[in-house]
Amino acid sequence: MDTGIGLLAAATAVRRLRPDADLVLSSDPDGMPWGPRTPEDIRARSLVVAEAAAAHRPDALIVACNTATVHALPVLRERFEPELPVIGTVPAIKPAAAGGGPVAIWATPATTGSPYQRGLIRDFADGVAVTEVPCPGLAEAVQYADEAAITLAVAAAAELTAPDVRAVVLGCTHYELVAERIRTAVQQPGLPPLVLHGSAGAVAAQALRRIGEQPAPDAPAGGTLTVILSGREEQLPTVALRYEEGRLLRAVSPAR
């Protein structure tokens, strides 16, 4: 589940680990964006989106949204666990800080500066120079594949990013869909290659662990794909096909 097509990154990571897995993608395009909403509203909308997914009786629920994880993970776990394991998306601050920094964390305004993110910085990046970079409008631009808006939002966030950063944490799942554009905007000439840290791969692996399954990337493809948009079962949105992850899911996943 996610606000929108940011869940493509986690869904693709699951598909690569388990080509035979059936996937249910539940999002809330009618309620986009979630970033500027109040924590109470985010919790309420997260429950609605999660209920739509849970109706399909999945083995696990991946909260493929940093904003929803920050504000709604406890209520989602209270509602669904232990019957349905709920896996949140944690910004990859720990591995980014392990490189020694400086580190920039790009995130939505709702996540930037939140007690949740500040706690992760305190726990995993003590002694490392960390800059929190709010990225207003970037998730929405990615959601609609608005090329001009993506360029402007990425450029604005790059301006707020210290030029000597060695790693950027992609603290919103939408950002993973435009990772290379972010790298190009932040990379400084003459410095070592910038390292980007997303969460999709780790989240997918954790979901398999929670349900006692092992990765089987060589398993025969054929897992189905169910798409739920604000409670309506529909086809994968056309805009998703503007991204490599969306094209891959459509190519290898028969509709159910």
Protein backbone atom coordinates (compact mmCIF):
# COMPACT_ATOMS: atom_id res chain seq x y z
CA MET A 1 0.00 0.00 0.00
CA ASP A 2 1.04 3.58 -0.67
CA THR A 3 -0.43 6.95 -1.45
CA GLY A 4 0.21 6.32 -5.15
CA ILE A 5 2.65 4.74 -7.56
CA GLY A 6 5.55 4.93 -5.13
CA LEU A 7 4.66 1.34 -4.28
CA LEU A 8 6.00 0.28 -7.69
CA ALA A 9 9.53 0.16 -6.27
CA ALA A 10 8.64 -2.26 -3.46
CA ALA A 11 6.34 -4.32 -5.71
CA THR A 12 9.10 -4.71 -8.27
CA ALA A 13 11.56 -5.71 -5.54
CA VAL A 14 9.15 -8.41 -4.36
CA ARG A 15 8.61 -9.56 -7.93
CA ARG A 16 12.35 -9.91 -8.47
CA LEU A 17 12.74 -11.97 -5.30
CA ARG A 18 9.63 -14.05 -5.95
CA PRO A 19 8.40 -14.02 -9.58
CA ASP A 20 5.62 -16.39 -8.48
CA ALA A 21 4.15 -14.07 -5.82
CA ASP A 22 0.64 -12.70 -6.27
CA LEU A 23 0.68 -8.93 -5.72
CA VAL A 24 -2.12 -6.62 -4.61
CA LEU A 25 -1.30 -2.92 -5.08
CA SER A 26 -3.59 -0.62 -3.07
CA SER A 27 -3.16 3.15 -3.31
CA ASP A 28 -5.10 6.37 -2.87
CA PRO A 29 -4.69 8.55 -5.98
CA ASP A 30 -7.94 10.35 -5.15
CA GLY A 31 -6.40 11.51 -1.85
CA MET A 32 -2.99 12.53 -3.17
CA PRO A 33 -0.88 14.11 -1.81
CA TRP A 34 -0.60 12.79 1.73
CA GLY A 35 2.55 14.72 2.60
CA PRO A 36 0.79 17.99 3.55
CA ARG A 37 -2.05 16.22 5.44
CA THR A 38 -2.34 16.12 9.22
CA PRO A 39 -1.10 12.98 11.02
CA GLU A 40 -4.71 12.17 11.95
CA ASP A 41 -5.83 12.36 8.32
CA ILE A 42 -2.88 10.24 7.17
CA ARG A 43 -3.76 7.58 9.73
CA ALA A 44 -7.40 7.53 8.63
CA ARG A 45 -6.58 7.29 4.93
CA SER A 46 -3.92 4.65 5.57
CA LEU A 47 -6.47 2.45 7.31
CA VAL A 48 -8.88 2.73 4.36
CA VAL A 49 -6.17 1.85 1.83
CA ALA A 50 -4.93 -1.03 4.00
CA GLU A 51 -8.45 -2.42 4.46
CA ALA A 52 -8.90 -2.50 0.69
CA ALA A 53 -5.72 -4.57 0.39
CA ALA A 54 -6.55 -6.80 3.37
CA ALA A 55 -9.87 -7.74 1.76
CA HIS A 56 -7.82 -9.83 -0.68
CA ARG A 57 -6.43 -11.87 2.24
CA PRO A 58 -2.70 -11.32 1.60
CA ASP A 59 0.06 -13.05 3.55
CA ALA A 60 1.72 -9.73 4.38
CA LEU A 61 1.02 -6.02 4.08
CA ILE A 62 3.90 -3.80 3.01
CA VAL A 63 3.41 -0.16 3.92
CA ALA A 64 5.40 1.05 0.91
CA CYS A 65 5.16 4.68 1.99
CA ASN A 66 7.47 6.56 4.32
CA THR A 67 4.82 9.11 5.29
CA ALA A 68 2.30 6.40 6.18
CA THR A 69 4.97 4.50 8.11
CA VAL A 70 5.88 7.60 10.10
CA HIS A 71 2.33 8.46 11.07
CA ALA A 72 0.22 5.30 10.76
CA LEU A 73 2.34 2.19 11.34
CA PRO A 74 1.29 1.70 15.00
CA VAL A 75 -2.44 1.91 14.18
CA LEU A 76 -2.04 -0.40 11.19
CA ARG A 77 -0.25 -2.98 13.31
CA GLU A 78 -2.86 -2.67 16.02
CA ARG A 79 -5.60 -3.26 13.46
CA PHE A 80 -4.10 -6.17 11.49
CA GLU A 81 -1.46 -8.01 13.50
CA PRO A 82 -0.83 -10.77 14.39
CA GLU A 83 -3.07 -12.27 11.70
CA LEU A 84 -1.57 -10.07 8.98
CA PRO A 85 2.09 -9.05 9.35
CA VAL A 86 2.59 -5.34 8.60
CA ILE A 87 5.99 -4.25 7.28
CA GLY A 88 6.84 -0.56 7.35
CA THR A 89 9.27 1.36 5.18
CA VAL A 90 12.18 2.78 7.15
CA PRO A 91 14.45 5.36 5.49
CA ALA A 92 17.84 3.77 4.86
CA ILE A 93 19.64 6.10 7.26
CA LYS A 94 21.69 3.37 8.95
CA PRO A 95 23.47 2.08 5.81
CA ALA A 96 23.91 5.62 4.52
CA ALA A 97 25.54 6.77 7.76
CA ALA A 98 27.80 3.71 7.79
CA GLY A 99 29.68 5.33 4.93
CA GLY A 100 30.70 8.18 7.22
CA GLY A 101 28.75 10.99 5.59
CA PRO A 102 27.95 13.69 4.96
CA VAL A 103 24.41 12.40 4.30
CA ALA A 104 21.29 14.11 2.97
CA ILE A 105 17.80 12.73 3.60
CA TRP A 106 15.28 13.71 0.94
CA ALA A 107 11.71 13.31 2.20
CA THR A 108 8.23 14.79 2.06
CA PRO A 109 7.47 17.79 4.26
CA ALA A 110 5.41 15.50 6.55
CA THR A 111 8.40 13.22 7.16
CA THR A 112 11.16 15.84 7.26
CA GLY A 113 11.81 16.92 10.82
CA SER A 114 9.33 14.41 12.25
CA PRO A 115 10.14 12.82 15.63
CA TYR A 116 10.27 9.48 13.84
CA GLN A 117 12.96 10.55 11.38
CA ARG A 118 14.87 12.49 14.02
CA GLY A 119 14.90 9.36 16.15
CA LEU A 120 16.40 7.32 13.32
CA ILE A 121 19.08 9.96 12.83
CA ARG A 122 19.86 9.92 16.55
CA ASP A 123 19.99 6.13 16.70
CA PHE A 124 21.87 5.37 13.49
CA ALA A 125 23.75 8.49 12.42
CA ASP A 126 25.24 9.83 15.63
CA GLY A 127 28.41 11.72 14.80
CA VAL A 128 27.62 11.87 11.07
CA ALA A 129 26.74 15.14 9.35
CA VAL A 130 23.10 14.75 8.24
CA THR A 131 20.96 17.28 6.40
CA GLU A 132 17.19 16.83 6.22
CA VAL A 133 15.93 18.08 2.85
CA PRO A 134 12.18 18.66 2.39
CA CYS A 135 11.02 18.02 -1.16
CA PRO A 136 7.60 19.69 -1.57
CA GLY A 137 5.87 18.68 -4.77
CA LEU A 138 8.30 15.96 -5.82
CA ALA A 139 6.10 12.98 -4.92
CA GLU A 140 3.15 14.57 -6.71
CA ALA A 141 5.26 15.30 -9.79
CA VAL A 142 6.43 11.68 -9.89
CA GLN A 143 2.87 10.45 -9.35
CA TYR A 144 1.72 12.18 -12.53
CA ALA A 145 5.00 11.76 -14.45
CA ASP A 146 5.07 15.55 -14.86
CA GLU A 147 8.53 15.94 -16.35
CA ALA A 148 8.77 19.70 -15.90
CA ALA A 149 7.57 19.55 -12.30
CA ILE A 150 9.98 16.70 -11.52
CA THR A 151 12.87 18.73 -12.90
CA LEU A 152 11.90 21.80 -10.84
CA ALA A 153 11.33 19.85 -7.59
CA VAL A 154 14.57 17.90 -7.93
CA ALA A 155 16.51 21.09 -8.69
CA ALA A 156 14.99 22.86 -5.68
CA ALA A 157 15.93 19.99 -3.35
CA ALA A 158 19.41 19.78 -4.85
CA GLU A 159 19.89 23.46 -3.98
CA LEU A 160 19.20 22.60 -0.34
CA THR A 161 21.63 19.69 -0.39
CA ALA A 162 25.19 20.32 0.77
CA PRO A 163 27.58 20.00 -2.15
CA ASP A 164 29.88 17.62 -0.28
CA VAL A 165 27.28 14.93 0.51
CA ARG A 166 28.42 11.42 -0.26
CA ALA A 167 25.07 9.71 0.13
CA VAL A 168 21.41 10.61 -0.31
CA VAL A 169 18.67 8.70 1.48
CA LEU A 170 15.53 8.51 -0.64
CA GLY A 171 13.02 8.99 2.16
CA CYS A 172 9.92 8.69 -0.02
CA THR A 173 9.18 5.65 -2.15
CA HIS A 174 8.14 7.84 -5.09
CA TYR A 175 11.69 9.19 -5.25
CA GLU A 176 13.11 5.76 -6.04
CA LEU A 177 11.37 5.95 -9.42
CA VAL A 178 13.50 8.97 -10.39
CA ALA A 179 16.68 7.97 -8.57
CA GLU A 180 19.01 8.59 -11.50
CA ARG A 181 17.63 12.08 -12.03
CA ILE A 182 18.33 12.82 -8.38
CA ARG A 183 21.86 11.45 -8.72
CA THR A 184 22.52 13.66 -11.74
CA ALA A 185 21.23 16.77 -9.94
CA VAL A 186 23.29 16.24 -6.79
CA GLN A 187 26.51 14.72 -8.12
CA GLN A 188 29.33 17.25 -8.05
CA PRO A 189 32.11 17.18 -10.69
CA GLY A 190 35.39 15.82 -9.41
CA LEU A 191 33.89 14.03 -6.40
CA PRO A 192 33.42 10.26 -5.98
CA PRO A 193 30.14 8.81 -7.29
CA LEU A 194 27.15 9.68 -5.13
CA VAL A 195 25.51 6.73 -3.34
CA LEU A 196 21.70 6.61 -3.26
CA HIS A 197 19.94 4.60 -0.56
CA GLY A 198 16.38 3.43 -1.20
CA SER A 199 14.31 1.05 0.91
CA ALA A 200 12.51 -1.18 -1.58
CA GLY A 201 14.93 -4.12 -1.58
CA ALA A 202 15.22 -4.30 2.20
CA VAL A 203 11.45 -4.01 2.66
CA ALA A 204 10.77 -6.80 0.18
CA ALA A 205 13.28 -9.09 1.89
CA GLN A 206 11.80 -8.32 5.32
CA ALA A 207 8.30 -9.14 4.07
CA LEU A 208 9.46 -12.58 2.95
CA ARG A 209 11.18 -13.16 6.29
CA ARG A 210 8.04 -12.21 8.22
CA ILE A 211 5.98 -14.87 6.42
CA GLY A 212 8.70 -17.53 6.50
CA GLU A 213 9.43 -17.53 2.78
CA GLN A 214 12.81 -17.60 1.06
CA PRO A 215 13.82 -15.59 -2.01
CA ALA A 216 13.46 -17.67 -5.17
CA PRO A 217 14.40 -15.35 -8.03
CA ASP A 218 14.57 -18.30 -10.43
CA ALA A 219 11.01 -19.42 -9.68
CA PRO A 220 8.75 -19.56 -12.75
CA ALA A 221 7.10 -16.19 -13.39
CA GLY A 222 3.35 -16.04 -13.20
CA GLY A 223 2.38 -14.24 -10.02
CA THR A 224 -0.76 -12.20 -10.60
CA LEU A 225 -1.26 -8.46 -10.21
CA THR A 226 -4.33 -6.83 -8.68
CA VAL A 227 -4.55 -3.03 -8.66
CA ILE A 228 -6.82 -1.09 -6.29
CA LEU A 229 -7.13 2.67 -6.77
CA SER A 230 -8.91 4.45 -3.90
CA GLY A 231 -10.96 1.31 -3.30
CA ARG A 232 -11.72 0.55 -6.96
CA GLU A 233 -10.22 -2.49 -8.65
CA GLU A 234 -8.75 -1.26 -11.91
CA GLN A 235 -5.85 -1.75 -14.32
CA LEU A 236 -2.32 -0.54 -13.65
CA PRO A 237 -2.49 3.23 -14.31
CA THR A 238 -1.06 4.35 -17.62
CA VAL A 239 1.23 6.76 -15.80
CA ALA A 240 2.91 3.80 -14.07
CA LEU A 241 4.15 2.65 -17.46
CA ARG A 242 6.28 5.79 -17.73
CA TYR A 243 8.63 4.13 -15.25
CA GLU A 244 10.75 1.02 -15.69
CA GLU A 245 9.20 -0.58 -12.59
CA GLY A 246 5.67 -0.25 -13.94
CA ARG A 247 6.61 -1.66 -17.32
CA LEU A 248 8.30 -4.63 -15.68
CA LEU A 249 5.27 -5.42 -13.53
CA ARG A 250 2.94 -5.29 -16.51
CA ALA A 251 5.25 -7.42 -18.64
CA VAL A 252 5.61 -10.30 -16.16
CA SER A 253 2.35 -10.19 -14.17
CA PRO A 254 -0.92 -11.47 -15.65
CA ALA A 255 -3.95 -9.51 -14.51
CA ARG A 256 -6.25 -11.31 -12.11
